[in-house]
Amino acid sequence: RLRGGTLGLIGYGRIGQAVHRKAAALGLARVLVHDPFLKSLPEDVE
């Protein structure tokens, strides 16, 4: 099952952010992001 799982995103530009939004509908509510170029991230990602 996908619901309740963790999504790891390597890169969080336009497409990574869009995948985050769409994956939320599948229940992948916990999101980890690795992107050394971003100075800040939304509150709902780690």
ModelCIF file with pLDDT and N, C-alpha, C, O atoms, coordinates in Angstrom:
data_MODEL
#
_entry.id   MODEL 
#
_entity.id                         1 
_entity.type                       polymer 
_entity.pdbx_number_of_molecules   1 
#
_entity_poly.entity_id                      1 
_entity_poly.type                           'polypeptide(L)' 
_entity_poly.nstd_linkage                   no 
_entity_poly.nstd_monomer                   no 
_entity_poly.pdbx_seq_one_letter_code       RLRGGTLGLIGYGRIGQAVHRKAAALGLARVLVHDPFLKSLPEDVE 
_entity_poly.pdbx_seq_one_letter_code_can   RLRGGTLGLIGYGRIGQAVHRKAAALGLARVLVHDPFLKSLPEDVE 
_entity_poly.pdbx_strand_id                 A 
#
loop_
_entity_poly_seq.entity_id 
_entity_poly_seq.num 
_entity_poly_seq.mon_id 
_entity_poly_seq.hetero 
1 1  ARG n 
1 2  LEU n 
1 3  ARG n 
1 4  GLY n 
1 5  GLY n 
1 6  THR n 
1 7  LEU n 
1 8  GLY n 
1 9  LEU n 
1 10 ILE n 
1 11 GLY n 
1 12 TYR n 
1 13 GLY n 
1 14 ARG n 
1 15 ILE n 
1 16 GLY n 
1 17 GLN n 
1 18 ALA n 
1 19 VAL n 
1 20 HIS n 
1 21 ARG n 
1 22 LYS n 
1 23 ALA n 
1 24 ALA n 
1 25 ALA n 
1 26 LEU n 
1 27 GLY n 
1 28 LEU n 
1 29 ALA n 
1 30 ARG n 
1 31 VAL n 
1 32 LEU n 
1 33 VAL n 
1 34 HIS n 
1 35 ASP n 
1 36 PRO n 
1 37 PHE n 
1 38 LEU n 
1 39 LYS n 
1 40 SER n 
1 41 LEU n 
1 42 PRO n 
1 43 GLU n 
1 44 ASP n 
1 45 VAL n 
1 46 GLU n 
#
_struct_asym.id          A 
_struct_asym.entity_id   1 
#
loop_
_ma_qa_metric.id 
_ma_qa_metric.mode 
_ma_qa_metric.name 
_ma_qa_metric.software_group_id 
_ma_qa_metric.type 
1 global pLDDT . pLDDT 
2 local  pLDDT . pLDDT 
#
_ma_qa_metric_global.metric_id      1 
_ma_qa_metric_global.metric_value   95.91 
_ma_qa_metric_global.model_id       1 
_ma_qa_metric_global.ordinal_id     1 
#
loop_
_ma_qa_metric_local.label_asym_id 
_ma_qa_metric_local.label_comp_id 
_ma_qa_metric_local.label_seq_id 
_ma_qa_metric_local.metric_id 
_ma_qa_metric_local.metric_value 
_ma_qa_metric_local.model_id 
_ma_qa_metric_local.ordinal_id 
A ARG 1  2 97.00 1 1  
A LEU 2  2 98.00 1 2  
A ARG 3  2 98.00 1 3  
A GLY 4  2 97.00 1 4  
A GLY 5  2 98.00 1 5  
A THR 6  2 98.00 1 6  
A LEU 7  2 98.00 1 7  
A GLY 8  2 98.00 1 8  
A LEU 9  2 98.00 1 9  
A ILE 10 2 98.00 1 10 
A GLY 11 2 98.00 1 11 
A TYR 12 2 97.00 1 12 
A GLY 13 2 95.00 1 13 
A ARG 14 2 95.00 1 14 
A ILE 15 2 97.00 1 15 
A GLY 16 2 98.00 1 16 
A GLN 17 2 97.00 1 17 
A ALA 18 2 98.00 1 18 
A VAL 19 2 98.00 1 19 
A HIS 20 2 98.00 1 20 
A ARG 21 2 97.00 1 21 
A LYS 22 2 98.00 1 22 
A ALA 23 2 98.00 1 23 
A ALA 24 2 97.00 1 24 
A ALA 25 2 97.00 1 25 
A LEU 26 2 97.00 1 26 
A GLY 27 2 98.00 1 27 
A LEU 28 2 96.00 1 28 
A ALA 29 2 87.00 1 29 
A ARG 30 2 96.00 1 30 
A VAL 31 2 98.00 1 31 
A LEU 32 2 98.00 1 32 
A VAL 33 2 98.00 1 33 
A HIS 34 2 98.00 1 34 
A ASP 35 2 96.00 1 35 
A PRO 36 2 93.00 1 36 
A PHE 37 2 89.00 1 37 
A LEU 38 2 90.00 1 38 
A LYS 39 2 87.00 1 39 
A SER 40 2 91.00 1 40 
A LEU 41 2 92.00 1 41 
A PRO 42 2 93.00 1 42 
A GLU 43 2 93.00 1 43 
A ASP 44 2 93.00 1 44 
A VAL 45 2 96.00 1 45 
A GLU 46 2 97.00 1 46 
#
loop_
_atom_site.group_PDB 
_atom_site.id 
_atom_site.type_symbol 
_atom_site.label_atom_id 
_atom_site.label_alt_id 
_atom_site.label_comp_id 
_atom_site.label_asym_id 
_atom_site.label_entity_id 
_atom_site.label_seq_id 
_atom_site.pdbx_PDB_ins_code 
_atom_site.Cartn_x 
_atom_site.Cartn_y 
_atom_site.Cartn_z 
_atom_site.occupancy 
_atom_site.B_iso_or_equiv 
_atom_site.pdbx_formal_charge 
_atom_site.auth_seq_id 
_atom_site.auth_comp_id 
_atom_site.auth_asym_id 
_atom_site.auth_atom_id 
_atom_site.pdbx_PDB_model_num 
ATOM 1   N N  . ARG A 1 1  ? 0.830  -1.200 0.000   1.00 97.00 ? 1  ARG A N  1 
ATOM 2   C CA . ARG A 1 1  ? 0.000  0.000  0.000   1.00 97.00 ? 1  ARG A CA 1 
ATOM 3   C C  . ARG A 1 1  ? 0.871  1.260  0.000   1.00 97.00 ? 1  ARG A C  1 
ATOM 4   O O  . ARG A 1 1  ? 1.891  1.329  0.686   1.00 97.00 ? 1  ARG A O  1 
ATOM 5   N N  . LEU A 1 2  ? 0.442  2.256  -0.791  1.00 98.00 ? 2  LEU A N  1 
ATOM 6   C CA . LEU A 1 2  ? 1.165  3.526  -0.825  1.00 98.00 ? 2  LEU A CA 1 
ATOM 7   C C  . LEU A 1 2  ? 0.764  4.442  0.321   1.00 98.00 ? 2  LEU A C  1 
ATOM 8   O O  . LEU A 1 2  ? 1.610  5.136  0.885   1.00 98.00 ? 2  LEU A O  1 
ATOM 9   N N  . ARG A 1 3  ? -0.511 4.453  0.668   1.00 98.00 ? 3  ARG A N  1 
ATOM 10  C CA . ARG A 1 3  ? -0.987 5.360  1.709   1.00 98.00 ? 3  ARG A CA 1 
ATOM 11  C C  . ARG A 1 3  ? -0.229 5.116  3.011   1.00 98.00 ? 3  ARG A C  1 
ATOM 12  O O  . ARG A 1 3  ? -0.053 3.980  3.452   1.00 98.00 ? 3  ARG A O  1 
ATOM 13  N N  . GLY A 1 4  ? 0.206  6.206  3.599   1.00 97.00 ? 4  GLY A N  1 
ATOM 14  C CA . GLY A 1 4  ? 0.957  6.128  4.845   1.00 97.00 ? 4  GLY A CA 1 
ATOM 15  C C  . GLY A 1 4  ? 2.459  6.042  4.646   1.00 97.00 ? 4  GLY A C  1 
ATOM 16  O O  . GLY A 1 4  ? 3.218  6.045  5.615   1.00 97.00 ? 4  GLY A O  1 
ATOM 17  N N  . GLY A 1 5  ? 2.890  5.965  3.398   1.00 98.00 ? 5  GLY A N  1 
ATOM 18  C CA . GLY A 1 5  ? 4.313  5.847  3.111   1.00 98.00 ? 5  GLY A CA 1 
ATOM 19  C C  . GLY A 1 5  ? 5.008  7.192  3.049   1.00 98.00 ? 5  GLY A C  1 
ATOM 20  O O  . GLY A 1 5  ? 4.385  8.246  3.175   1.00 98.00 ? 5  GLY A O  1 
ATOM 21  N N  . THR A 1 6  ? 6.316  7.128  2.851   1.00 98.00 ? 6  THR A N  1 
ATOM 22  C CA . THR A 1 6  ? 7.169  8.320  2.796   1.00 98.00 ? 6  THR A CA 1 
ATOM 23  C C  . THR A 1 6  ? 7.678  8.517  1.374   1.00 98.00 ? 6  THR A C  1 
ATOM 24  O O  . THR A 1 6  ? 8.184  7.585  0.750   1.00 98.00 ? 6  THR A O  1 
ATOM 25  N N  . LEU A 1 7  ? 7.540  9.730  0.874   1.00 98.00 ? 7  LEU A N  1 
ATOM 26  C CA . LEU A 1 7  ? 8.038  10.113 -0.442  1.00 98.00 ? 7  LEU A CA 1 
ATOM 27  C C  . LEU A 1 7  ? 9.357  10.849 -0.284  1.00 98.00 ? 7  LEU A C  1 
ATOM 28  O O  . LEU A 1 7  ? 9.434  11.840 0.442   1.00 98.00 ? 7  LEU A O  1 
ATOM 29  N N  . GLY A 1 8  ? 10.390 10.373 -0.957  1.00 98.00 ? 8  GLY A N  1 
ATOM 30  C CA . GLY A 1 8  ? 11.676 11.061 -0.972  1.00 98.00 ? 8  GLY A CA 1 
ATOM 31  C C  . GLY A 1 8  ? 11.910 11.702 -2.326  1.00 98.00 ? 8  GLY A C  1 
ATOM 32  O O  . GLY A 1 8  ? 11.909 11.014 -3.346  1.00 98.00 ? 8  GLY A O  1 
ATOM 33  N N  . LEU A 1 9  ? 12.107 12.995 -2.347  1.00 98.00 ? 9  LEU A N  1 
ATOM 34  C CA . LEU A 1 9  ? 12.322 13.742 -3.580  1.00 98.00 ? 9  LEU A CA 1 
ATOM 35  C C  . LEU A 1 9  ? 13.759 14.238 -3.632  1.00 98.00 ? 9  LEU A C  1 
ATOM 36  O O  . LEU A 1 9  ? 14.209 14.952 -2.737  1.00 98.00 ? 9  LEU A O  1 
ATOM 37  N N  . ILE A 1 10 ? 14.470 13.860 -4.673  1.00 98.00 ? 10 ILE A N  1 
ATOM 38  C CA . ILE A 1 10 ? 15.820 14.371 -4.894  1.00 98.00 ? 10 ILE A CA 1 
ATOM 39  C C  . ILE A 1 10 ? 15.712 15.432 -5.987  1.00 98.00 ? 10 ILE A C  1 
ATOM 40  O O  . ILE A 1 10 ? 15.614 15.114 -7.172  1.00 98.00 ? 10 ILE A O  1 
ATOM 41  N N  . GLY A 1 11 ? 15.731 16.690 -5.568  1.00 98.00 ? 11 GLY A N  1 
ATOM 42  C CA . GLY A 1 11 ? 15.417 17.820 -6.444  1.00 98.00 ? 11 GLY A CA 1 
ATOM 43  C C  . GLY A 1 11 ? 14.001 18.290 -6.180  1.00 98.00 ? 11 GLY A C  1 
ATOM 44  O O  . GLY A 1 11 ? 13.061 17.496 -6.171  1.00 98.00 ? 11 GLY A O  1 
ATOM 45  N N  . TYR A 1 12 ? 13.857 19.608 -5.963  1.00 97.00 ? 12 TYR A N  1 
ATOM 46  C CA . TYR A 1 12 ? 12.537 20.136 -5.587  1.00 97.00 ? 12 TYR A CA 1 
ATOM 47  C C  . TYR A 1 12 ? 12.233 21.411 -6.362  1.00 97.00 ? 12 TYR A C  1 
ATOM 48  O O  . TYR A 1 12 ? 11.831 22.426 -5.794  1.00 97.00 ? 12 TYR A O  1 
ATOM 49  N N  . GLY A 1 13 ? 12.437 21.332 -7.679  1.00 95.00 ? 13 GLY A N  1 
ATOM 50  C CA . GLY A 1 13 ? 12.045 22.434 -8.549  1.00 95.00 ? 13 GLY A CA 1 
ATOM 51  C C  . GLY A 1 13 ? 10.586 22.320 -8.935  1.00 95.00 ? 13 GLY A C  1 
ATOM 52  O O  . GLY A 1 13 ? 9.785  21.744 -8.199  1.00 95.00 ? 13 GLY A O  1 
ATOM 53  N N  . ARG A 1 14 ? 10.240 22.871 -10.094 1.00 95.00 ? 14 ARG A N  1 
ATOM 54  C CA . ARG A 1 14 ? 8.840  22.877 -10.523 1.00 95.00 ? 14 ARG A CA 1 
ATOM 55  C C  . ARG A 1 14 ? 8.244  21.477 -10.559 1.00 95.00 ? 14 ARG A C  1 
ATOM 56  O O  . ARG A 1 14 ? 7.141  21.250 -10.061 1.00 95.00 ? 14 ARG A O  1 
ATOM 57  N N  . ILE A 1 15 ? 8.983  20.534 -11.155 1.00 97.00 ? 15 ILE A N  1 
ATOM 58  C CA . ILE A 1 15 ? 8.432  19.195 -11.329 1.00 97.00 ? 15 ILE A CA 1 
ATOM 59  C C  . ILE A 1 15 ? 8.391  18.446 -10.004 1.00 97.00 ? 15 ILE A C  1 
ATOM 60  O O  . ILE A 1 15 ? 7.406  17.774 -9.699  1.00 97.00 ? 15 ILE A O  1 
ATOM 61  N N  . GLY A 1 16 ? 9.454  18.558 -9.218  1.00 98.00 ? 16 GLY A N  1 
ATOM 62  C CA . GLY A 1 16 ? 9.449  17.916 -7.913  1.00 98.00 ? 16 GLY A CA 1 
ATOM 63  C C  . GLY A 1 16 ? 8.303  18.405 -7.047  1.00 98.00 ? 16 GLY A C  1 
ATOM 64  O O  . GLY A 1 16 ? 7.665  17.609 -6.358  1.00 98.00 ? 16 GLY A O  1 
ATOM 65  N N  . GLN A 1 17 ? 8.033  19.701 -7.070  1.00 97.00 ? 17 GLN A N  1 
ATOM 66  C CA . GLN A 1 17 ? 6.921  20.253 -6.295  1.00 97.00 ? 17 GLN A CA 1 
ATOM 67  C C  . GLN A 1 17 ? 5.578  19.742 -6.814  1.00 97.00 ? 17 GLN A C  1 
ATOM 68  O O  . GLN A 1 17 ? 4.670  19.464 -6.030  1.00 97.00 ? 17 GLN A O  1 
ATOM 69  N N  . ALA A 1 18 ? 5.452  19.618 -8.152  1.00 98.00 ? 18 ALA A N  1 
ATOM 70  C CA . ALA A 1 18 ? 4.200  19.103 -8.724  1.00 98.00 ? 18 ALA A CA 1 
ATOM 71  C C  . ALA A 1 18 ? 3.995  17.638 -8.343  1.00 98.00 ? 18 ALA A C  1 
ATOM 72  O O  . ALA A 1 18 ? 2.874  17.227 -8.044  1.00 98.00 ? 18 ALA A O  1 
ATOM 73  N N  . VAL A 1 19 ? 5.073  16.848 -8.353  1.00 98.00 ? 19 VAL A N  1 
ATOM 74  C CA . VAL A 1 19 ? 4.963  15.453 -7.916  1.00 98.00 ? 19 VAL A CA 1 
ATOM 75  C C  . VAL A 1 19 ? 4.539  15.388 -6.453  1.00 98.00 ? 19 VAL A C  1 
ATOM 76  O O  . VAL A 1 19 ? 3.716  14.551 -6.084  1.00 98.00 ? 19 VAL A O  1 
ATOM 77  N N  . HIS A 1 20 ? 5.088  16.255 -5.626  1.00 98.00 ? 20 HIS A N  1 
ATOM 78  C CA . HIS A 1 20 ? 4.695  16.316 -4.217  1.00 98.00 ? 20 HIS A CA 1 
ATOM 79  C C  . HIS A 1 20 ? 3.194  16.533 -4.090  1.00 98.00 ? 20 HIS A C  1 
ATOM 80  O O  . HIS A 1 20 ? 2.523  15.813 -3.350  1.00 98.00 ? 20 HIS A O  1 
ATOM 81  N N  . ARG A 1 21 ? 2.661  17.524 -4.808  1.00 97.00 ? 21 ARG A N  1 
ATOM 82  C CA . ARG A 1 21 ? 1.227  17.815 -4.718  1.00 97.00 ? 21 ARG A CA 1 
ATOM 83  C C  . ARG A 1 21 ? 0.386  16.618 -5.158  1.00 97.00 ? 21 ARG A C  1 
ATOM 84  O O  . ARG A 1 21 ? -0.607 16.281 -4.513  1.00 97.00 ? 21 ARG A O  1 
ATOM 85  N N  . LYS A 1 22 ? 0.783  15.983 -6.246  1.00 98.00 ? 22 LYS A N  1 
ATOM 86  C CA . LYS A 1 22 ? -0.014 14.884 -6.788  1.00 98.00 ? 22 LYS A CA 1 
ATOM 87  C C  . LYS A 1 22 ? 0.123  13.620 -5.943  1.00 98.00 ? 22 LYS A C  1 
ATOM 88  O O  . LYS A 1 22 ? -0.831 12.854 -5.806  1.00 98.00 ? 22 LYS A O  1 
ATOM 89  N N  . ALA A 1 23 ? 1.297  13.408 -5.384  1.00 98.00 ? 23 ALA A N  1 
ATOM 90  C CA . ALA A 1 23 ? 1.504  12.228 -4.545  1.00 98.00 ? 23 ALA A CA 1 
ATOM 91  C C  . ALA A 1 23 ? 0.707  12.312 -3.245  1.00 98.00 ? 23 ALA A C  1 
ATOM 92  O O  . ALA A 1 23 ? 0.366  11.291 -2.649  1.00 98.00 ? 23 ALA A O  1 
ATOM 93  N N  . ALA A 1 24 ? 0.417  13.528 -2.815  1.00 97.00 ? 24 ALA A N  1 
ATOM 94  C CA . ALA A 1 24 ? -0.368 13.688 -1.596  1.00 97.00 ? 24 ALA A CA 1 
ATOM 95  C C  . ALA A 1 24 ? -1.732 13.030 -1.739  1.00 97.00 ? 24 ALA A C  1 
ATOM 96  O O  . ALA A 1 24 ? -2.278 12.524 -0.758  1.00 97.00 ? 24 ALA A O  1 
ATOM 97  N N  . ALA A 1 25 ? -2.292 13.030 -2.948  1.00 97.00 ? 25 ALA A N  1 
ATOM 98  C CA . ALA A 1 25 ? -3.590 12.398 -3.183  1.00 97.00 ? 25 ALA A CA 1 
ATOM 99  C C  . ALA A 1 25 ? -3.532 10.884 -3.032  1.00 97.00 ? 25 ALA A C  1 
ATOM 100 O O  . ALA A 1 25 ? -4.557 10.235 -2.822  1.00 97.00 ? 25 ALA A O  1 
ATOM 101 N N  . LEU A 1 26 ? -2.315 10.318 -3.143  1.00 97.00 ? 26 LEU A N  1 
ATOM 102 C CA . LEU A 1 26 ? -2.141 8.879  -2.970  1.00 97.00 ? 26 LEU A CA 1 
ATOM 103 C C  . LEU A 1 26 ? -1.893 8.510  -1.512  1.00 97.00 ? 26 LEU A C  1 
ATOM 104 O O  . LEU A 1 26 ? -1.779 7.331  -1.177  1.00 97.00 ? 26 LEU A O  1 
ATOM 105 N N  . GLY A 1 27 ? -1.812 9.498  -0.665  1.00 98.00 ? 27 GLY A N  1 
ATOM 106 C CA . GLY A 1 27 ? -1.598 9.234  0.747   1.00 98.00 ? 27 GLY A CA 1 
ATOM 107 C C  . GLY A 1 27 ? -0.146 9.241  1.175   1.00 98.00 ? 27 GLY A C  1 
ATOM 108 O O  . GLY A 1 27 ? 0.165  8.874  2.308   1.00 98.00 ? 27 GLY A O  1 
ATOM 109 N N  . LEU A 1 28 ? 0.752  9.653  0.286   1.00 96.00 ? 28 LEU A N  1 
ATOM 110 C CA . LEU A 1 28 ? 2.168  9.779  0.660   1.00 96.00 ? 28 LEU A CA 1 
ATOM 111 C C  . LEU A 1 28 ? 2.358  11.128 1.345   1.00 96.00 ? 28 LEU A C  1 
ATOM 112 O O  . LEU A 1 28 ? 2.870  12.077 0.751   1.00 96.00 ? 28 LEU A O  1 
ATOM 113 N N  . ALA A 1 29 ? 1.940  11.194 2.589   1.00 87.00 ? 29 ALA A N  1 
ATOM 114 C CA . ALA A 1 29 ? 1.840  12.475 3.284   1.00 87.00 ? 29 ALA A CA 1 
ATOM 115 C C  . ALA A 1 29 ? 3.166  12.952 3.853   1.00 87.00 ? 29 ALA A C  1 
ATOM 116 O O  . ALA A 1 29 ? 3.371  14.156 4.011   1.00 87.00 ? 29 ALA A O  1 
ATOM 117 N N  . ARG A 1 30 ? 4.065  12.032 4.162   1.00 96.00 ? 30 ARG A N  1 
ATOM 118 C CA . ARG A 1 30 ? 5.372  12.428 4.700   1.00 96.00 ? 30 ARG A CA 1 
ATOM 119 C C  . ARG A 1 30 ? 6.341  12.576 3.537   1.00 96.00 ? 30 ARG A C  1 
ATOM 120 O O  . ARG A 1 30 ? 6.509  11.660 2.732   1.00 96.00 ? 30 ARG A O  1 
ATOM 121 N N  . VAL A 1 31 ? 6.983  13.753 3.458   1.00 98.00 ? 31 VAL A N  1 
ATOM 122 C CA . VAL A 1 31 ? 7.832  14.061 2.305   1.00 98.00 ? 31 VAL A CA 1 
ATOM 123 C C  . VAL A 1 31 ? 9.200  14.513 2.780   1.00 98.00 ? 31 VAL A C  1 
ATOM 124 O O  . VAL A 1 31 ? 9.325  15.451 3.567   1.00 98.00 ? 31 VAL A O  1 
ATOM 125 N N  . LEU A 1 32 ? 10.232 13.823 2.283   1.00 98.00 ? 32 LEU A N  1 
ATOM 126 C CA . LEU A 1 32 ? 11.619 14.195 2.524   1.00 98.00 ? 32 LEU A CA 1 
ATOM 127 C C  . LEU A 1 32 ? 12.179 14.792 1.239   1.00 98.00 ? 32 LEU A C  1 
ATOM 128 O O  . LEU A 1 32 ? 11.903 14.286 0.151   1.00 98.00 ? 32 LEU A O  1 
ATOM 129 N N  . VAL A 1 33 ? 12.952 15.848 1.350   1.00 98.00 ? 33 VAL A N  1 
ATOM 130 C CA . VAL A 1 33 ? 13.501 16.522 0.172   1.00 98.00 ? 33 VAL A CA 1 
ATOM 131 C C  . VAL A 1 33 ? 15.002 16.719 0.335   1.00 98.00 ? 33 VAL A C  1 
ATOM 132 O O  . VAL A 1 33 ? 15.480 17.178 1.373   1.00 98.00 ? 33 VAL A O  1 
ATOM 133 N N  . HIS A 1 34 ? 15.731 16.359 -0.719  1.00 98.00 ? 34 HIS A N  1 
ATOM 134 C CA . HIS A 1 34 ? 17.156 16.695 -0.790  1.00 98.00 ? 34 HIS A CA 1 
ATOM 135 C C  . HIS A 1 34 ? 17.348 17.624 -1.976  1.00 98.00 ? 34 HIS A C  1 
ATOM 136 O O  . HIS A 1 34 ? 17.201 17.209 -3.126  1.00 98.00 ? 34 HIS A O  1 
ATOM 137 N N  . ASP A 1 35 ? 17.675 18.875 -1.699  1.00 96.00 ? 35 ASP A N  1 
ATOM 138 C CA . ASP A 1 35 ? 17.941 19.860 -2.744  1.00 96.00 ? 35 ASP A CA 1 
ATOM 139 C C  . ASP A 1 35 ? 18.841 20.938 -2.152  1.00 96.00 ? 35 ASP A C  1 
ATOM 140 O O  . ASP A 1 35 ? 18.357 21.869 -1.507  1.00 96.00 ? 35 ASP A O  1 
ATOM 141 N N  . PRO A 1 36 ? 20.156 20.813 -2.370  1.00 93.00 ? 36 PRO A N  1 
ATOM 142 C CA . PRO A 1 36 ? 21.092 21.759 -1.738  1.00 93.00 ? 36 PRO A CA 1 
ATOM 143 C C  . PRO A 1 36 ? 20.994 23.178 -2.268  1.00 93.00 ? 36 PRO A C  1 
ATOM 144 O O  . PRO A 1 36 ? 21.587 24.088 -1.689  1.00 93.00 ? 36 PRO A O  1 
ATOM 145 N N  . PHE A 1 37 ? 20.254 23.394 -3.362  1.00 89.00 ? 37 PHE A N  1 
ATOM 146 C CA . PHE A 1 37 ? 20.154 24.733 -3.939  1.00 89.00 ? 37 PHE A CA 1 
ATOM 147 C C  . PHE A 1 37 ? 19.008 25.544 -3.352  1.00 89.00 ? 37 PHE A C  1 
ATOM 148 O O  . PHE A 1 37 ? 18.927 26.750 -3.581  1.00 89.00 ? 37 PHE A O  1 
ATOM 149 N N  . LEU A 1 38 ? 18.129 24.905 -2.604  1.00 90.00 ? 38 LEU A N  1 
ATOM 150 C CA . LEU A 1 38 ? 17.004 25.626 -2.018  1.00 90.00 ? 38 LEU A CA 1 
ATOM 151 C C  . LEU A 1 38 ? 17.367 26.180 -0.647  1.00 90.00 ? 38 LEU A C  1 
ATOM 152 O O  . LEU A 1 38 ? 17.947 25.486 0.188   1.00 90.00 ? 38 LEU A O  1 
ATOM 153 N N  . LYS A 1 39 ? 17.013 27.447 -0.431  1.00 87.00 ? 39 LYS A N  1 
ATOM 154 C CA . LYS A 1 39 ? 17.295 28.086 0.851   1.00 87.00 ? 39 LYS A CA 1 
ATOM 155 C C  . LYS A 1 39 ? 16.191 27.837 1.865   1.00 87.00 ? 39 LYS A C  1 
ATOM 156 O O  . LYS A 1 39 ? 16.424 27.916 3.071   1.00 87.00 ? 39 LYS A O  1 
ATOM 157 N N  . SER A 1 40 ? 14.987 27.536 1.382   1.00 91.00 ? 40 SER A N  1 
ATOM 158 C CA . SER A 1 40 ? 13.873 27.263 2.290   1.00 91.00 ? 40 SER A CA 1 
ATOM 159 C C  . SER A 1 40 ? 12.948 26.250 1.644   1.00 91.00 ? 40 SER A C  1 
ATOM 160 O O  . SER A 1 40 ? 12.930 26.092 0.424   1.00 91.00 ? 40 SER A O  1 
ATOM 161 N N  . LEU A 1 41 ? 12.179 25.564 2.483   1.00 92.00 ? 41 LEU A N  1 
ATOM 162 C CA . LEU A 1 41 ? 11.231 24.558 2.022   1.00 92.00 ? 41 LEU A CA 1 
ATOM 163 C C  . LEU A 1 41 ? 9.881  24.805 2.690   1.00 92.00 ? 41 LEU A C  1 
ATOM 164 O O  . LEU A 1 41 ? 9.817  25.414 3.758   1.00 92.00 ? 41 LEU A O  1 
ATOM 165 N N  . PRO A 1 42 ? 8.813  24.339 2.070   1.00 93.00 ? 42 PRO A N  1 
ATOM 166 C CA . PRO A 1 42 ? 7.500  24.472 2.726   1.00 93.00 ? 42 PRO A CA 1 
ATOM 167 C C  . PRO A 1 42 ? 7.478  23.732 4.062   1.00 93.00 ? 42 PRO A C  1 
ATOM 168 O O  . PRO A 1 42 ? 8.295  22.846 4.314   1.00 93.00 ? 42 PRO A O  1 
ATOM 169 N N  . GLU A 1 43 ? 6.537  24.110 4.900   1.00 93.00 ? 43 GLU A N  1 
ATOM 170 C CA . GLU A 1 43 ? 6.463  23.520 6.233   1.00 93.00 ? 43 GLU A CA 1 
ATOM 171 C C  . GLU A 1 43 ? 6.126  22.038 6.201   1.00 93.00 ? 43 GLU A C  1 
ATOM 172 O O  . GLU A 1 43 ? 6.453  21.310 7.138   1.00 93.00 ? 43 GLU A O  1 
ATOM 173 N N  . ASP A 1 44 ? 5.468  21.575 5.124   1.00 93.00 ? 44 ASP A N  1 
ATOM 174 C CA . ASP A 1 44 ? 5.031  20.183 5.091   1.00 93.00 ? 44 ASP A CA 1 
ATOM 175 C C  . ASP A 1 44 ? 6.054  19.237 4.481   1.00 93.00 ? 44 ASP A C  1 
ATOM 176 O O  . ASP A 1 44 ? 5.730  18.087 4.184   1.00 93.00 ? 44 ASP A O  1 
ATOM 177 N N  . VAL A 1 45 ? 7.294  19.704 4.289   1.00 96.00 ? 45 VAL A N  1 
ATOM 178 C CA . VAL A 1 45 ? 8.359  18.807 3.844   1.00 96.00 ? 45 VAL A CA 1 
ATOM 179 C C  . VAL A 1 45 ? 9.546  18.925 4.785   1.00 96.00 ? 45 VAL A C  1 
ATOM 180 O O  . VAL A 1 45 ? 9.739  19.943 5.449   1.00 96.00 ? 45 VAL A O  1 
ATOM 181 N N  . GLU A 1 46 ? 10.342 17.852 4.828   1.00 97.00 ? 46 GLU A N  1 
ATOM 182 C CA . GLU A 1 46 ? 11.510 17.831 5.696   1.00 97.00 ? 46 GLU A CA 1 
ATOM 183 C C  . GLU A 1 46 ? 12.780 17.799 4.847   1.00 97.00 ? 46 GLU A C  1 
ATOM 184 O O  . GLU A 1 46 ? 13.885 17.778 5.390   1.00 97.00 ? 46 GLU A O  1 
#
